Amino acid sequence: MSKVREIKSVIASELDEFESRFKESMKSNTPLLDKITHYIIKRKGKQMRPMFVFLSAKVCGQINDATYTAASLIELLHTATLVHDDVVDDANLRRGFFSINALWKNKVAVLVGDFLLSRGLLMSVDQQQFALLRIVSNAVQEMSEGELLQMEKARKLDITEEVYFNIIRQKTASLIAACCESGAHSVQADPDSVKKMSDFGEKVGLAFQIKDDLFDYNTNGNIGKPTGIDIKEKKMTLPLIYAISKAQRTDKRWLVKTVKHHNTDKEKVQDVIDYVALSGGIEYARDKMLEHRDDALKILHSFEESEARNSLEALVNYTIERKK
């Protein structure tokens, strides 16, 4: 049994039920839209976000209709942001499949993203789940702001560690925090537990993103992502930020110049990766990742032990041990 399947086993029936409800929520009378949403459903990922929603709910109480609404709302809005991201990034692939914009062009992809966004809004209004809508809408706002902050900083490459953590808290951690918060809220957990679940999700999200950044510096070649992609896209991640902060002035100038002007030169990018590894940037980032993982588990352990809590802990560990 794979690690993910093992974690899912505690909420297997709920995830099956969620899948059929989610398919229903995406249905449309427009044939082209129906064809595209069917394509989206067919190439779904590991269902990490719904897993966080359901397990958080189960840690705090009994899964109910509001929990399914929370998971569907998160997934609809998240899918909408991914479709729009692919247009913004001019990306032709998503999880090894062709992106919507690659198959149906940008205009269609933007409209599909808008449709998914509106389905999420309508679902929460129809079911009068305004608190859930607020939680998820806040996360979408944070994600947009984080993305724009990163784009702004990529021009000057003047990202400090503090700014980096602001960016990843908004871009990545806010959505996982929303998953856990909305899961807890859906089962009428007390405000203190809802807040703790939100903080837990944020810590997991920070660890998750640092793990993603570390993939760029993998030297074993045993992951699903090629190295140097972030450097090519002029993204300043924690290992590189650390290396630059510790470098002598000449090395600092060389690192920034390479990322700015030679980011498509494979050999020069590899030199940067090697420098970052030698500077201790990778170990530093790994330590920070484990620190956030430990903070998350400390919060989680304040809840009563249960099968759901154990699965949530396993999911946290999976996020930092995954190979892609």
Protein backbone atom coordinates (compact mmCIF):
# COMPACT_ATOMS: atom_id res chain seq x y z
CA MET A 1 0.00 0.00 0.00
CA SER A 2 1.39 3.40 -0.98
CA LYS A 3 1.91 6.03 1.73
CA VAL A 4 -0.83 8.29 0.35
CA ARG A 5 -3.35 5.43 0.11
CA GLU A 6 -2.53 4.45 3.68
CA ILE A 7 -3.17 8.03 4.89
CA LYS A 8 -6.41 8.18 2.87
CA SER A 9 -7.74 4.92 4.34
CA VAL A 10 -9.19 6.73 7.40
CA ILE A 11 -11.33 8.95 5.14
CA ALA A 12 -11.65 6.66 2.08
CA SER A 13 -15.47 6.61 1.98
CA GLU A 14 -15.63 10.39 2.54
CA LEU A 15 -13.20 11.01 -0.33
CA ASP A 16 -15.28 8.80 -2.66
CA GLU A 17 -18.41 10.73 -1.70
CA PHE A 18 -16.52 14.01 -2.15
CA GLU A 19 -15.40 12.98 -5.64
CA SER A 20 -18.95 12.40 -6.85
CA ARG A 21 -20.16 15.66 -5.26
CA PHE A 22 -17.23 17.54 -6.79
CA LYS A 23 -18.01 16.15 -10.27
CA GLU A 24 -21.61 17.26 -9.83
CA SER A 25 -20.52 20.76 -8.80
CA MET A 26 -18.59 21.18 -12.07
CA LYS A 27 -21.38 20.13 -14.45
CA SER A 28 -22.49 22.57 -17.12
CA ASN A 29 -25.05 22.71 -19.95
CA THR A 30 -22.36 24.09 -22.27
CA PRO A 31 -20.81 21.09 -24.10
CA LEU A 32 -17.32 22.64 -24.40
CA LEU A 33 -17.26 23.54 -20.71
CA ASP A 34 -18.47 20.07 -19.76
CA LYS A 35 -15.73 18.52 -21.90
CA ILE A 36 -13.03 20.67 -20.26
CA THR A 37 -14.24 20.10 -16.67
CA HIS A 38 -14.32 16.34 -17.39
CA TYR A 39 -10.68 16.63 -18.54
CA ILE A 40 -9.79 18.49 -15.32
CA ILE A 41 -11.40 15.82 -13.11
CA LYS A 42 -9.69 13.00 -15.01
CA ARG A 43 -6.21 14.37 -14.33
CA LYS A 44 -6.65 15.26 -10.65
CA GLY A 45 -3.62 14.97 -8.36
CA LYS A 46 -3.22 13.26 -5.01
CA GLN A 47 -6.17 15.16 -3.45
CA MET A 48 -3.92 16.64 -0.78
CA ARG A 49 -6.19 19.63 -0.13
CA PRO A 50 -9.42 17.62 0.39
CA MET A 51 -7.40 15.27 2.62
CA PHE A 52 -6.39 18.19 4.85
CA VAL A 53 -10.04 19.37 5.00
CA PHE A 54 -11.50 15.97 5.93
CA LEU A 55 -8.77 14.93 8.37
CA SER A 56 -8.89 18.32 10.15
CA ALA A 57 -12.66 18.01 10.41
CA LYS A 58 -12.38 14.48 11.78
CA VAL A 59 -9.79 15.53 14.38
CA CYS A 60 -12.24 18.17 15.65
CA GLY A 61 -15.62 16.42 15.25
CA GLN A 62 -17.97 14.55 12.90
CA ILE A 63 -17.75 15.06 9.12
CA ASN A 64 -21.01 16.47 7.75
CA ASP A 65 -22.48 18.24 4.68
CA ALA A 66 -20.65 21.46 5.53
CA THR A 67 -17.32 19.54 5.37
CA TYR A 68 -18.10 18.36 1.82
CA THR A 69 -18.98 21.94 0.88
CA ALA A 70 -15.68 23.17 2.38
CA ALA A 71 -13.65 20.57 0.44
CA SER A 72 -15.50 21.28 -2.83
CA LEU A 73 -15.15 25.03 -2.38
CA ILE A 74 -11.40 24.76 -1.73
CA GLU A 75 -10.92 22.45 -4.72
CA LEU A 76 -13.00 24.61 -7.10
CA LEU A 77 -11.18 27.82 -6.18
CA HIS A 78 -7.78 26.09 -6.14
CA THR A 79 -8.40 24.55 -9.60
CA ALA A 80 -9.48 27.97 -10.90
CA THR A 81 -6.22 29.54 -9.68
CA LEU A 82 -4.17 26.73 -11.31
CA VAL A 83 -5.93 27.22 -14.67
CA HIS A 84 -5.27 30.97 -14.47
CA ASP A 85 -1.65 30.37 -13.32
CA ASP A 86 -0.95 28.29 -16.43
CA VAL A 87 -2.15 31.20 -18.59
CA VAL A 88 -0.02 33.71 -16.64
CA ASP A 89 3.05 31.42 -16.80
CA ASP A 90 2.38 30.41 -20.43
CA ALA A 91 2.73 26.80 -19.21
CA ASN A 92 1.85 23.94 -21.53
CA LEU A 93 1.98 21.17 -18.95
CA ARG A 94 0.37 20.58 -15.56
CA ARG A 95 1.18 17.35 -13.64
CA GLY A 96 2.48 15.75 -16.84
CA PHE A 97 -0.71 16.49 -18.81
CA PHE A 98 -1.38 19.27 -21.29
CA SER A 99 -2.69 22.41 -19.58
CA ILE A 100 -6.11 23.84 -20.49
CA ASN A 101 -4.50 26.79 -22.31
CA ALA A 102 -2.28 24.42 -24.33
CA LEU A 103 -5.30 22.46 -25.59
CA TRP A 104 -7.99 25.17 -25.82
CA LYS A 105 -6.02 28.49 -25.88
CA ASN A 106 -5.76 31.28 -23.31
CA LYS A 107 -9.18 32.89 -23.77
CA VAL A 108 -11.00 29.60 -23.09
CA ALA A 109 -8.71 28.82 -20.12
CA VAL A 110 -9.41 32.21 -18.49
CA LEU A 111 -13.17 31.72 -18.94
CA VAL A 112 -12.98 28.20 -17.50
CA GLY A 113 -11.12 29.57 -14.47
CA ASP A 114 -13.84 32.23 -14.06
CA PHE A 115 -16.55 29.55 -14.33
CA LEU A 116 -14.91 27.41 -11.59
CA LEU A 117 -14.54 30.49 -9.37
CA SER A 118 -18.22 31.38 -9.79
CA ARG A 119 -19.30 27.78 -9.10
CA GLY A 120 -17.47 27.92 -5.78
CA LEU A 121 -19.05 31.27 -4.89
CA LEU A 122 -22.55 30.12 -5.84
CA MET A 123 -22.22 26.84 -3.94
CA SER A 124 -21.34 28.61 -0.70
CA VAL A 125 -24.09 31.25 -1.16
CA ASP A 126 -26.73 28.60 -2.02
CA GLN A 127 -25.84 26.67 1.13
CA GLN A 128 -25.43 29.87 3.18
CA GLN A 129 -21.90 28.89 4.17
CA PHE A 130 -20.68 32.48 4.40
CA ALA A 131 -17.98 31.81 7.01
CA LEU A 132 -16.45 29.10 4.79
CA LEU A 133 -16.61 31.49 1.83
CA ARG A 134 -14.76 34.13 3.87
CA ILE A 135 -12.00 31.64 4.88
CA VAL A 136 -11.40 30.47 1.31
CA SER A 137 -11.75 33.92 -0.31
CA ASN A 138 -9.14 35.29 2.12
CA ALA A 139 -6.77 32.52 1.00
CA VAL A 140 -7.32 33.34 -2.70
CA GLN A 141 -6.61 37.02 -1.97
CA GLU A 142 -3.41 36.09 -0.09
CA MET A 143 -2.28 33.81 -2.94
CA SER A 144 -2.72 36.59 -5.51
CA GLU A 145 -0.86 39.11 -3.34
CA GLY A 146 1.97 36.63 -2.70
CA GLU A 147 2.34 35.92 -6.41
CA LEU A 148 2.48 39.64 -7.23
CA LEU A 149 4.99 40.31 -4.44
CA GLN A 150 7.22 37.54 -5.82
CA MET A 151 6.98 38.96 -9.37
CA GLU A 152 7.86 42.44 -8.10
CA LYS A 153 10.88 41.13 -6.18
CA ALA A 154 12.07 38.96 -9.09
CA ARG A 155 12.89 42.15 -11.02
CA LYS A 156 15.43 43.37 -8.47
CA LEU A 157 16.33 40.04 -6.81
CA ASP A 158 16.40 41.84 -3.46
CA ILE A 159 14.54 39.23 -1.42
CA THR A 160 15.49 38.89 2.23
CA GLU A 161 14.60 35.80 4.26
CA GLU A 162 11.77 37.76 5.90
CA VAL A 163 10.27 38.73 2.52
CA TYR A 164 10.69 35.13 1.29
CA PHE A 165 8.65 33.81 4.23
CA ASN A 166 5.99 36.49 3.61
CA ILE A 167 5.74 35.34 -0.02
CA ILE A 168 5.46 31.61 0.71
CA ARG A 169 3.07 32.20 3.62
CA GLN A 170 0.74 34.00 1.20
CA LYS A 171 1.37 31.91 -1.92
CA THR A 172 1.31 28.39 -0.49
CA ALA A 173 0.70 28.24 3.26
CA SER A 174 -2.50 30.34 3.16
CA LEU A 175 -4.36 27.68 1.15
CA ILE A 176 -3.33 24.76 3.37
CA ALA A 177 -4.24 26.89 6.40
CA ALA A 178 -7.66 27.51 4.79
CA CYS A 179 -8.12 23.74 4.25
CA CYS A 180 -7.50 22.98 7.93
CA GLU A 181 -9.43 25.99 9.22
CA SER A 182 -12.48 25.30 7.04
CA GLY A 183 -12.39 21.59 8.00
CA ALA A 184 -12.46 22.49 11.71
CA HIS A 185 -15.10 25.19 11.19
CA SER A 186 -17.36 22.81 9.23
CA VAL A 187 -17.79 20.57 12.31
CA GLN A 188 -18.58 23.54 14.62
CA ALA A 189 -15.26 23.29 16.49
CA ASP A 190 -14.71 25.98 19.13
CA PRO A 191 -12.93 29.19 17.96
CA ASP A 192 -9.68 28.19 19.73
CA SER A 193 -9.54 24.84 17.88
CA VAL A 194 -10.36 26.51 14.55
CA LYS A 195 -7.50 29.00 15.10
CA LYS A 196 -5.11 26.20 16.09
CA MET A 197 -6.01 24.25 12.96
CA SER A 198 -5.38 27.33 10.83
CA ASP A 199 -1.95 27.86 12.48
CA PHE A 200 -1.18 24.16 12.03
CA GLY A 201 -2.01 24.38 8.30
CA GLU A 202 0.16 27.46 7.87
CA LYS A 203 3.18 25.72 9.42
CA VAL A 204 2.63 22.67 7.18
CA GLY A 205 2.34 24.97 4.15
CA LEU A 206 5.66 26.67 4.94
CA ALA A 207 7.41 23.29 5.31
CA PHE A 208 5.74 22.07 2.09
CA GLN A 209 7.01 25.06 0.08
CA ILE A 210 10.57 24.81 1.41
CA LYS A 211 10.55 21.13 0.37
CA ASP A 212 9.45 22.25 -3.11
CA ASP A 213 12.31 24.77 -3.21
CA LEU A 214 14.81 22.07 -2.21
CA PHE A 215 13.84 20.00 -5.26
CA ASP A 216 15.57 22.67 -7.37
CA TYR A 217 18.88 21.74 -5.74
CA ASN A 218 18.49 17.96 -5.87
CA THR A 219 21.74 16.36 -6.95
CA ASN A 220 20.65 12.70 -6.98
CA GLY A 221 18.34 12.97 -10.00
CA ASN A 222 15.70 10.83 -8.27
CA ILE A 223 12.80 13.28 -8.27
CA GLY A 224 10.06 14.16 -10.71
CA LYS A 225 11.27 17.73 -11.29
CA PRO A 226 14.44 18.84 -13.13
CA THR A 227 16.88 21.00 -11.17
CA GLY A 228 17.43 24.72 -11.75
CA ILE A 229 13.83 25.54 -12.73
CA ASP A 230 13.43 28.20 -10.03
CA ILE A 231 16.73 29.84 -11.00
CA LYS A 232 15.63 29.82 -14.65
CA GLU A 233 12.44 31.64 -13.57
CA LYS A 234 14.48 34.07 -11.39
CA LYS A 235 12.75 32.83 -8.23
CA MET A 236 14.75 33.56 -5.10
CA THR A 237 14.29 30.57 -2.81
CA LEU A 238 15.63 29.96 0.70
CA PRO A 239 18.84 28.01 -0.19
CA LEU A 240 19.89 30.77 -2.62
CA ILE A 241 18.88 33.61 -0.27
CA TYR A 242 21.01 32.03 2.47
CA ALA A 243 24.00 31.55 0.10
CA ILE A 244 23.82 35.19 -1.07
CA SER A 245 23.54 36.49 2.51
CA LYS A 246 26.74 34.62 3.49
CA ALA A 247 28.71 35.32 0.29
CA GLN A 248 31.63 37.73 -0.14
CA ARG A 249 30.85 40.82 -2.22
CA THR A 250 32.33 39.44 -5.48
CA ASP A 251 30.54 36.10 -5.11
CA LYS A 252 27.32 37.92 -4.28
CA ARG A 253 27.59 40.00 -7.47
CA TRP A 254 28.34 36.87 -9.52
CA LEU A 255 25.33 34.97 -8.05
CA VAL A 256 22.88 37.82 -8.69
CA LYS A 257 24.29 38.48 -12.18
CA THR A 258 23.99 34.78 -13.13
CA VAL A 259 20.39 34.51 -11.93
CA LYS A 260 19.51 37.81 -13.64
CA HIS A 261 21.27 37.46 -16.98
CA HIS A 262 22.49 33.86 -17.45
CA ASN A 263 19.54 31.96 -15.99
CA THR A 264 19.03 29.93 -19.18
CA ASP A 265 22.67 28.82 -19.41
CA LYS A 266 22.65 25.25 -18.00
CA GLU A 267 26.32 25.23 -17.03
CA LYS A 268 26.16 28.58 -15.26
CA VAL A 269 22.96 27.57 -13.45
CA GLN A 270 24.69 24.37 -12.34
CA ASP A 271 27.59 26.47 -10.98
CA VAL A 272 25.07 28.40 -8.86
CA ILE A 273 23.50 25.14 -7.60
CA ASP A 274 26.97 23.81 -6.67
CA TYR A 275 27.86 27.08 -4.90
CA VAL A 276 24.60 27.03 -2.91
CA ALA A 277 25.26 23.41 -1.87
CA LEU A 278 28.83 24.25 -0.72
CA SER A 279 27.67 27.34 1.18
CA GLY A 280 25.37 25.27 3.42
CA GLY A 281 22.22 26.77 1.87
CA ILE A 282 20.59 23.37 1.38
CA GLU A 283 21.19 22.24 4.99
CA TYR A 284 19.95 25.60 6.27
CA ALA A 285 16.71 25.33 4.26
CA ARG A 286 16.23 21.70 5.35
CA ASP A 287 16.63 22.71 9.01
CA LYS A 288 14.03 25.47 8.57
CA MET A 289 11.66 23.00 6.90
CA LEU A 290 11.98 20.57 9.83
CA GLU A 291 11.50 23.42 12.28
CA HIS A 292 8.14 24.31 10.69
CA ARG A 293 7.20 20.61 10.55
CA ASP A 294 7.93 20.28 14.29
CA ASP A 295 5.92 23.43 15.07
CA ALA A 296 2.97 21.98 13.11
CA LEU A 297 3.14 18.65 14.95
CA LYS A 298 3.34 20.41 18.31
CA ILE A 299 0.03 22.15 17.53
CA LEU A 300 -1.49 18.90 16.23
CA HIS A 301 -0.52 17.01 19.38
CA SER A 302 -2.58 19.43 21.46
CA PHE A 303 -5.63 17.63 20.03
CA GLU A 304 -6.79 14.29 21.40
CA GLU A 305 -5.12 11.25 19.82
CA SER A 306 -7.22 9.50 17.18
CA GLU A 307 -6.92 7.67 13.88
CA ALA A 308 -7.54 10.96 12.09
CA ARG A 309 -4.83 12.75 14.09
CA ASN A 310 -2.34 9.97 13.29
CA SER A 311 -3.22 10.19 9.59
CA LEU A 312 -2.84 13.96 9.64
CA GLU A 313 0.59 13.54 11.24
CA ALA A 314 1.52 11.02 8.53
CA LEU A 315 0.31 13.50 5.88
CA VAL A 316 2.53 16.22 7.38
CA ASN A 317 5.56 13.90 7.24
CA TYR A 318 4.66 12.86 3.70
CA THR A 319 4.70 16.50 2.54
CA ILE A 320 8.37 16.84 3.47
CA GLU A 321 9.49 13.33 2.48
CA ARG A 322 7.82 13.19 -0.96
CA LYS A 323 9.96 12.68 -4.05
CA LYS A 324 8.03 15.12 -6.29
